[in-house]
Every structure is written in structure tokens, then in C-alpha cells.
Amino acid sequence: MRRPNTALIVDDEPHIRMYLKLILKKIGFNNFIEAKDGQEGIDLYKSRNPELVILDVNMPVKEGMEALEEIMQFDSNAVVVVTSSVASRQAVEQSVELGASYYIRKDTPKEEIADQLNSLIDDVWE
């Protein structure tokens, strides 16, 4: 089985992008593309075609849900994990309806985030 190794991290906070990059490195990713807002994330997805997208909900320029919708319209097979500081039932349901593969709260312990991402990778790429 070939594991994915290229991830697009879309978050307006540089320290969150760094944190997620460290978690992804731990589970085998080694190529990273970073975007600071939803529109930049869409543009980079279309031009670079990463295997995994980690997408924040609340961002300037274009919100995460709008970006998720555009990415999924461009590529219905995109693997997108939505992240947020809050996980209201409505936000989780909306992200799934729009095509997200998974939803992770940012305050989840890093070991759990790594486990959740590993499980997703096993489900999608095996």
C-alpha cells in the first residue's frame, strides 16, 4: 500500500499550520503546501493537487466551508479534513454534507489527531 505524503494545510494562524505539520510528519507526510485563507487553499489545491487537505473553518477572505464546497466541486474525490476550535453539530453536519472526509477539533490532543488521521488514511488508501 502506498501512503499519501503530500498535504495542503489551510489555516490563517501560522502556529496552527506548524502544529498540524508536525503531526502530519509524525505519521509519514513529508511534502507540505500551506495556505493562509480559503481562496489561497482553493487555488493551491487546483494547481498542486495534494493528496490530503486540512482545512480550517474560520478564515479571512474565504471561509473554510466555502473553500470545501469549491474544492469538492473541482475534485469530488478530494480528501478533506475540516478543523475548527468549535465543533457544533451543525458545523460537523454541514462539513460532511459538503464532502469532508473527517472533522477534527483543534483542541483534540495531538496523539488523538494523529490516530484519527492514520485511521482515515487506512480507510481511504487501503
N, C-alpha and C. Protein backbone atom coordinates (compact mmCIF):
# COMPACT_ATOMS: atom_id res chain seq x y z
N MET A 1 0.82 -1.19 0.00
CA MET A 1 0.00 0.00 0.00
C MET A 1 0.87 1.26 0.00
N ARG A 2 0.52 2.18 -0.87
CA ARG A 2 1.22 3.46 -0.91
C ARG A 2 0.49 4.45 -0.01
N ARG A 3 1.21 5.01 0.93
CA ARG A 3 0.59 6.02 1.81
C ARG A 3 0.77 7.40 1.19
N PRO A 4 -0.19 8.27 1.41
CA PRO A 4 -0.06 9.63 0.89
C PRO A 4 1.05 10.37 1.63
N ASN A 5 1.68 11.33 0.96
CA ASN A 5 2.72 12.09 1.65
C ASN A 5 2.69 13.58 1.36
N THR A 6 1.67 14.05 0.62
CA THR A 6 1.56 15.48 0.33
C THR A 6 0.26 16.02 0.92
N ALA A 7 0.40 17.06 1.76
CA ALA A 7 -0.77 17.64 2.42
C ALA A 7 -0.79 19.15 2.21
N LEU A 8 -1.99 19.66 2.01
CA LEU A 8 -2.25 21.09 1.96
C LEU A 8 -2.88 21.47 3.29
N ILE A 9 -2.24 22.39 4.02
CA ILE A 9 -2.76 22.85 5.30
C ILE A 9 -3.26 24.28 5.10
N VAL A 10 -4.56 24.47 5.31
CA VAL A 10 -5.18 25.77 5.09
C VAL A 10 -5.68 26.30 6.43
N ASP A 11 -4.96 27.30 6.96
CA ASP A 11 -5.32 27.91 8.24
C ASP A 11 -4.70 29.29 8.29
N ASP A 12 -5.44 30.25 8.82
CA ASP A 12 -4.92 31.62 8.87
C ASP A 12 -3.92 31.84 10.00
N GLU A 13 -3.76 30.88 10.88
CA GLU A 13 -2.83 31.03 12.00
C GLU A 13 -1.56 30.21 11.75
N PRO A 14 -0.41 30.90 11.60
CA PRO A 14 0.85 30.19 11.30
C PRO A 14 1.20 29.12 12.33
N HIS A 15 0.95 29.37 13.62
CA HIS A 15 1.31 28.37 14.64
C HIS A 15 0.46 27.11 14.51
N ILE A 16 -0.78 27.25 14.05
CA ILE A 16 -1.63 26.07 13.84
C ILE A 16 -1.12 25.28 12.64
N ARG A 17 -0.73 25.98 11.58
CA ARG A 17 -0.17 25.28 10.41
C ARG A 17 1.08 24.50 10.82
N MET A 18 1.93 25.10 11.64
CA MET A 18 3.15 24.43 12.11
C MET A 18 2.80 23.21 12.96
N TYR A 19 1.84 23.36 13.85
CA TYR A 19 1.40 22.28 14.73
C TYR A 19 0.88 21.09 13.90
N LEU A 20 0.02 21.39 12.93
CA LEU A 20 -0.52 20.32 12.08
C LEU A 20 0.56 19.67 11.23
N LYS A 21 1.51 20.47 10.79
CA LYS A 21 2.62 19.93 10.00
C LYS A 21 3.43 18.94 10.85
N LEU A 22 3.67 19.26 12.10
CA LEU A 22 4.41 18.35 12.98
C LEU A 22 3.66 17.03 13.17
N ILE A 23 2.34 17.11 13.33
CA ILE A 23 1.54 15.89 13.48
C ILE A 23 1.60 15.07 12.20
N LEU A 24 1.45 15.73 11.06
CA LEU A 24 1.48 15.01 9.78
C LEU A 24 2.85 14.39 9.51
N LYS A 25 3.93 15.08 9.89
CA LYS A 25 5.28 14.50 9.73
C LYS A 25 5.38 13.21 10.52
N LYS A 26 4.81 13.23 11.72
CA LYS A 26 4.87 12.07 12.61
C LYS A 26 4.20 10.84 11.99
N ILE A 27 3.20 11.06 11.12
CA ILE A 27 2.50 9.92 10.53
C ILE A 27 2.92 9.66 9.07
N GLY A 28 4.02 10.28 8.65
CA GLY A 28 4.60 9.91 7.37
C GLY A 28 4.52 10.91 6.23
N PHE A 29 3.91 12.06 6.45
CA PHE A 29 3.87 13.07 5.40
C PHE A 29 5.20 13.81 5.35
N ASN A 30 5.65 14.16 4.14
CA ASN A 30 6.90 14.92 4.05
C ASN A 30 6.84 16.06 3.05
N ASN A 31 5.73 16.23 2.35
CA ASN A 31 5.56 17.35 1.43
C ASN A 31 4.37 18.18 1.91
N PHE A 32 4.62 19.47 2.13
CA PHE A 32 3.58 20.34 2.67
C PHE A 32 3.39 21.57 1.81
N ILE A 33 2.15 21.94 1.65
CA ILE A 33 1.76 23.17 0.97
C ILE A 33 0.93 23.92 2.01
N GLU A 34 1.17 25.22 2.17
CA GLU A 34 0.44 25.98 3.18
C GLU A 34 -0.31 27.14 2.55
N ALA A 35 -1.52 27.37 3.05
CA ALA A 35 -2.33 28.49 2.61
C ALA A 35 -2.88 29.21 3.84
N LYS A 36 -2.99 30.53 3.75
CA LYS A 36 -3.43 31.31 4.90
C LYS A 36 -4.90 31.70 4.86
N ASP A 37 -5.60 31.36 3.78
CA ASP A 37 -7.04 31.61 3.70
C ASP A 37 -7.68 30.64 2.71
N GLY A 38 -8.99 30.62 2.71
CA GLY A 38 -9.71 29.66 1.88
C GLY A 38 -9.46 29.81 0.39
N GLN A 39 -9.39 31.05 -0.09
CA GLN A 39 -9.18 31.25 -1.51
C GLN A 39 -7.80 30.75 -1.94
N GLU A 40 -6.79 31.05 -1.14
CA GLU A 40 -5.45 30.55 -1.44
C GLU A 40 -5.42 29.03 -1.41
N GLY A 41 -6.17 28.44 -0.47
CA GLY A 41 -6.26 26.98 -0.39
C GLY A 41 -6.87 26.38 -1.64
N ILE A 42 -7.94 27.00 -2.15
CA ILE A 42 -8.58 26.52 -3.38
C ILE A 42 -7.59 26.60 -4.54
N ASP A 43 -6.94 27.75 -4.68
CA ASP A 43 -6.00 27.95 -5.78
C ASP A 43 -4.86 26.95 -5.73
N LEU A 44 -4.32 26.72 -4.53
CA LEU A 44 -3.21 25.76 -4.38
C LEU A 44 -3.68 24.33 -4.61
N TYR A 45 -4.90 24.01 -4.19
CA TYR A 45 -5.41 22.67 -4.45
C TYR A 45 -5.48 22.42 -5.95
N LYS A 46 -6.03 23.38 -6.67
CA LYS A 46 -6.20 23.23 -8.12
C LYS A 46 -4.87 23.13 -8.85
N SER A 47 -3.86 23.86 -8.38
CA SER A 47 -2.58 23.86 -9.09
C SER A 47 -1.63 22.76 -8.63
N ARG A 48 -1.75 22.30 -7.39
CA ARG A 48 -0.78 21.35 -6.85
C ARG A 48 -1.34 19.96 -6.59
N ASN A 49 -2.67 19.81 -6.52
CA ASN A 49 -3.33 18.53 -6.35
C ASN A 49 -2.77 17.69 -5.19
N PRO A 50 -2.81 18.21 -3.95
CA PRO A 50 -2.33 17.44 -2.80
C PRO A 50 -3.22 16.24 -2.52
N GLU A 51 -2.68 15.26 -1.83
CA GLU A 51 -3.43 14.05 -1.52
C GLU A 51 -4.40 14.24 -0.35
N LEU A 52 -4.05 15.15 0.56
CA LEU A 52 -4.86 15.41 1.75
C LEU A 52 -4.93 16.90 1.97
N VAL A 53 -6.10 17.37 2.40
CA VAL A 53 -6.28 18.79 2.74
C VAL A 53 -6.75 18.86 4.19
N ILE A 54 -6.07 19.70 4.97
CA ILE A 54 -6.52 20.02 6.32
C ILE A 54 -7.03 21.46 6.23
N LEU A 55 -8.30 21.67 6.51
CA LEU A 55 -8.95 22.95 6.22
C LEU A 55 -9.65 23.52 7.44
N ASP A 56 -9.23 24.71 7.84
CA ASP A 56 -9.86 25.41 8.96
C ASP A 56 -11.21 25.96 8.52
N VAL A 57 -12.12 26.12 9.47
CA VAL A 57 -13.45 26.66 9.17
C VAL A 57 -13.43 28.19 9.11
N ASN A 58 -12.90 28.83 10.15
CA ASN A 58 -12.97 30.29 10.26
C ASN A 58 -11.68 30.94 9.77
N MET A 59 -11.78 31.58 8.60
CA MET A 59 -10.61 32.24 8.00
C MET A 59 -11.06 33.50 7.27
N PRO A 60 -10.12 34.42 7.04
CA PRO A 60 -10.45 35.60 6.25
C PRO A 60 -10.50 35.26 4.75
N VAL A 61 -10.94 36.19 3.96
CA VAL A 61 -11.04 36.14 2.51
C VAL A 61 -12.12 35.15 2.08
N LYS A 62 -11.97 33.88 2.41
CA LYS A 62 -12.99 32.89 2.10
C LYS A 62 -13.03 31.87 3.23
N GLU A 63 -14.21 31.69 3.79
CA GLU A 63 -14.40 30.75 4.90
C GLU A 63 -14.11 29.31 4.46
N GLY A 64 -13.82 28.46 5.43
CA GLY A 64 -13.50 27.07 5.15
C GLY A 64 -14.61 26.29 4.47
N MET A 65 -15.86 26.52 4.86
CA MET A 65 -16.96 25.78 4.25
C MET A 65 -17.12 26.15 2.77
N GLU A 66 -16.92 27.42 2.46
CA GLU A 66 -16.96 27.85 1.05
C GLU A 66 -15.83 27.19 0.27
N ALA A 67 -14.64 27.19 0.88
CA ALA A 67 -13.48 26.57 0.23
C ALA A 67 -13.71 25.07 0.04
N LEU A 68 -14.26 24.41 1.06
CA LEU A 68 -14.57 22.98 0.97
C LEU A 68 -15.50 22.72 -0.21
N GLU A 69 -16.54 23.51 -0.32
CA GLU A 69 -17.51 23.33 -1.40
C GLU A 69 -16.84 23.48 -2.77
N GLU A 70 -15.98 24.49 -2.92
CA GLU A 70 -15.31 24.70 -4.21
C GLU A 70 -14.31 23.59 -4.52
N ILE A 71 -13.58 23.14 -3.51
CA ILE A 71 -12.62 22.05 -3.73
C ILE A 71 -13.36 20.79 -4.16
N MET A 72 -14.48 20.49 -3.50
CA MET A 72 -15.24 19.28 -3.82
C MET A 72 -15.90 19.38 -5.20
N GLN A 73 -16.29 20.59 -5.60
CA GLN A 73 -16.83 20.77 -6.95
C GLN A 73 -15.74 20.54 -7.99
N PHE A 74 -14.52 20.97 -7.67
CA PHE A 74 -13.39 20.79 -8.59
C PHE A 74 -12.96 19.33 -8.66
N ASP A 75 -12.95 18.64 -7.48
CA ASP A 75 -12.49 17.26 -7.39
C ASP A 75 -13.33 16.51 -6.37
N SER A 76 -14.31 15.79 -6.83
CA SER A 76 -15.23 15.09 -5.92
C SER A 76 -14.53 13.99 -5.12
N ASN A 77 -13.30 13.62 -5.50
CA ASN A 77 -12.55 12.61 -4.77
C ASN A 77 -11.55 13.20 -3.77
N ALA A 78 -11.57 14.51 -3.60
CA ALA A 78 -10.65 15.16 -2.67
C ALA A 78 -10.86 14.61 -1.26
N VAL A 79 -9.75 14.45 -0.53
CA VAL A 79 -9.82 14.01 0.86
C VAL A 79 -9.54 15.24 1.72
N VAL A 80 -10.61 15.75 2.34
CA VAL A 80 -10.52 16.99 3.11
C VAL A 80 -10.93 16.73 4.55
N VAL A 81 -10.05 17.15 5.47
CA VAL A 81 -10.33 17.08 6.89
C VAL A 81 -10.57 18.51 7.36
N VAL A 82 -11.74 18.77 7.92
CA VAL A 82 -12.09 20.10 8.42
C VAL A 82 -11.67 20.20 9.87
N THR A 83 -11.06 21.34 10.23
CA THR A 83 -10.67 21.58 11.62
C THR A 83 -11.32 22.86 12.11
N SER A 84 -11.58 22.90 13.41
CA SER A 84 -12.17 24.10 13.99
C SER A 84 -11.93 24.11 15.49
N SER A 85 -12.00 25.30 16.05
CA SER A 85 -11.90 25.43 17.51
C SER A 85 -13.19 24.98 18.18
N VAL A 86 -14.27 25.05 17.45
CA VAL A 86 -15.56 24.60 17.99
C VAL A 86 -16.12 23.52 17.07
N ALA A 87 -16.84 22.61 17.66
CA ALA A 87 -17.42 21.53 16.85
C ALA A 87 -18.91 21.44 17.15
N SER A 88 -19.64 22.41 16.66
CA SER A 88 -21.08 22.33 16.84
C SER A 88 -21.61 21.23 15.93
N ARG A 89 -22.70 20.65 16.31
CA ARG A 89 -23.29 19.59 15.49
C ARG A 89 -23.59 20.10 14.09
N GLN A 90 -24.07 21.34 14.01
CA GLN A 90 -24.40 21.94 12.71
C GLN A 90 -23.16 22.04 11.82
N ALA A 91 -22.03 22.48 12.40
CA ALA A 91 -20.80 22.62 11.61
C ALA A 91 -20.31 21.26 11.12
N VAL A 92 -20.36 20.27 11.99
CA VAL A 92 -19.92 18.92 11.60
C VAL A 92 -20.82 18.39 10.49
N GLU A 93 -22.12 18.51 10.67
CA GLU A 93 -23.06 18.02 9.65
C GLU A 93 -22.87 18.75 8.33
N GLN A 94 -22.69 20.07 8.39
CA GLN A 94 -22.50 20.84 7.16
C GLN A 94 -21.24 20.40 6.43
N SER A 95 -20.15 20.20 7.17
CA SER A 95 -18.90 19.80 6.53
C SER A 95 -19.03 18.43 5.86
N VAL A 96 -19.74 17.51 6.50
CA VAL A 96 -19.95 16.18 5.93
C VAL A 96 -20.84 16.28 4.69
N GLU A 97 -21.88 17.09 4.78
CA GLU A 97 -22.78 17.27 3.63
C GLU A 97 -22.02 17.83 2.43
N LEU A 98 -21.06 18.70 2.68
CA LEU A 98 -20.29 19.31 1.60
C LEU A 98 -19.18 18.40 1.07
N GLY A 99 -18.93 17.28 1.76
CA GLY A 99 -17.97 16.31 1.25
C GLY A 99 -16.73 16.08 2.08
N ALA A 100 -16.65 16.68 3.26
CA ALA A 100 -15.47 16.46 4.10
C ALA A 100 -15.38 14.99 4.50
N SER A 101 -14.15 14.50 4.57
CA SER A 101 -13.92 13.12 4.98
C SER A 101 -13.93 12.96 6.50
N TYR A 102 -13.63 14.06 7.20
CA TYR A 102 -13.49 13.97 8.65
C TYR A 102 -13.55 15.37 9.23
N TYR A 103 -13.85 15.48 10.53
CA TYR A 103 -13.91 16.76 11.24
C TYR A 103 -13.13 16.59 12.53
N ILE A 104 -12.18 17.48 12.78
CA ILE A 104 -11.35 17.39 13.99
C ILE A 104 -11.37 18.73 14.72
N ARG A 105 -11.61 18.66 16.01
CA ARG A 105 -11.49 19.88 16.84
C ARG A 105 -10.01 20.16 17.09
N LYS A 106 -9.65 21.43 17.03
CA LYS A 106 -8.25 21.81 17.21
C LYS A 106 -7.73 21.53 18.61
N ASP A 107 -8.61 21.45 19.60
CA ASP A 107 -8.15 21.19 20.96
C ASP A 107 -8.04 19.70 21.28
N THR A 108 -8.21 18.87 20.29
CA THR A 108 -8.01 17.42 20.45
C THR A 108 -6.52 17.17 20.71
N PRO A 109 -6.17 16.33 21.67
CA PRO A 109 -4.74 16.03 21.91
C PRO A 109 -4.07 15.54 20.63
N LYS A 110 -2.81 15.94 20.45
CA LYS A 110 -2.11 15.64 19.19
C LYS A 110 -2.02 14.15 18.90
N GLU A 111 -1.90 13.30 19.94
CA GLU A 111 -1.85 11.86 19.71
C GLU A 111 -3.17 11.37 19.10
N GLU A 112 -4.28 11.93 19.58
CA GLU A 112 -5.59 11.55 19.05
C GLU A 112 -5.75 12.03 17.61
N ILE A 113 -5.27 13.25 17.32
CA ILE A 113 -5.34 13.76 15.94
C ILE A 113 -4.54 12.83 15.03
N ALA A 114 -3.35 12.44 15.46
CA ALA A 114 -2.51 11.54 14.67
C ALA A 114 -3.23 10.21 14.45
N ASP A 115 -3.85 9.66 15.50
CA ASP A 115 -4.59 8.39 15.38
C ASP A 115 -5.77 8.53 14.42
N GLN A 116 -6.50 9.64 14.53
CA GLN A 116 -7.67 9.85 13.67
C GLN A 116 -7.23 9.98 12.21
N LEU A 117 -6.15 10.71 11.97
CA LEU A 117 -5.66 10.86 10.60
C LEU A 117 -5.14 9.53 10.06
N ASN A 118 -4.45 8.76 10.88
CA ASN A 118 -3.98 7.44 10.47
C ASN A 118 -5.15 6.53 10.09
N SER A 119 -6.21 6.56 10.90
CA SER A 119 -7.39 5.74 10.60
C SER A 119 -8.02 6.17 9.28
N LEU A 120 -8.10 7.47 9.05
CA LEU A 120 -8.65 7.98 7.80
C LEU A 120 -7.81 7.51 6.62
N ILE A 121 -6.50 7.61 6.76
CA ILE A 121 -5.58 7.19 5.70
C ILE A 121 -5.75 5.69 5.41
N ASP A 122 -5.85 4.90 6.47
CA ASP A 122 -6.07 3.46 6.30
C ASP A 122 -7.37 3.19 5.55
N ASP A 123 -8.42 3.94 5.89
CA ASP A 123 -9.71 3.74 5.23
C ASP A 123 -9.69 4.15 3.76
N VAL A 124 -9.03 5.26 3.47
CA VAL A 124 -9.06 5.82 2.11
C VAL A 124 -8.05 5.18 1.18
N TRP A 125 -6.85 4.92 1.68
CA TRP A 125 -5.77 4.47 0.80
C TRP A 125 -5.52 2.97 0.82
N GLU A 126 -6.23 2.21 1.61
CA GLU A 126 -6.01 0.74 1.59
C GLU A 126 -7.06 0.04 0.80
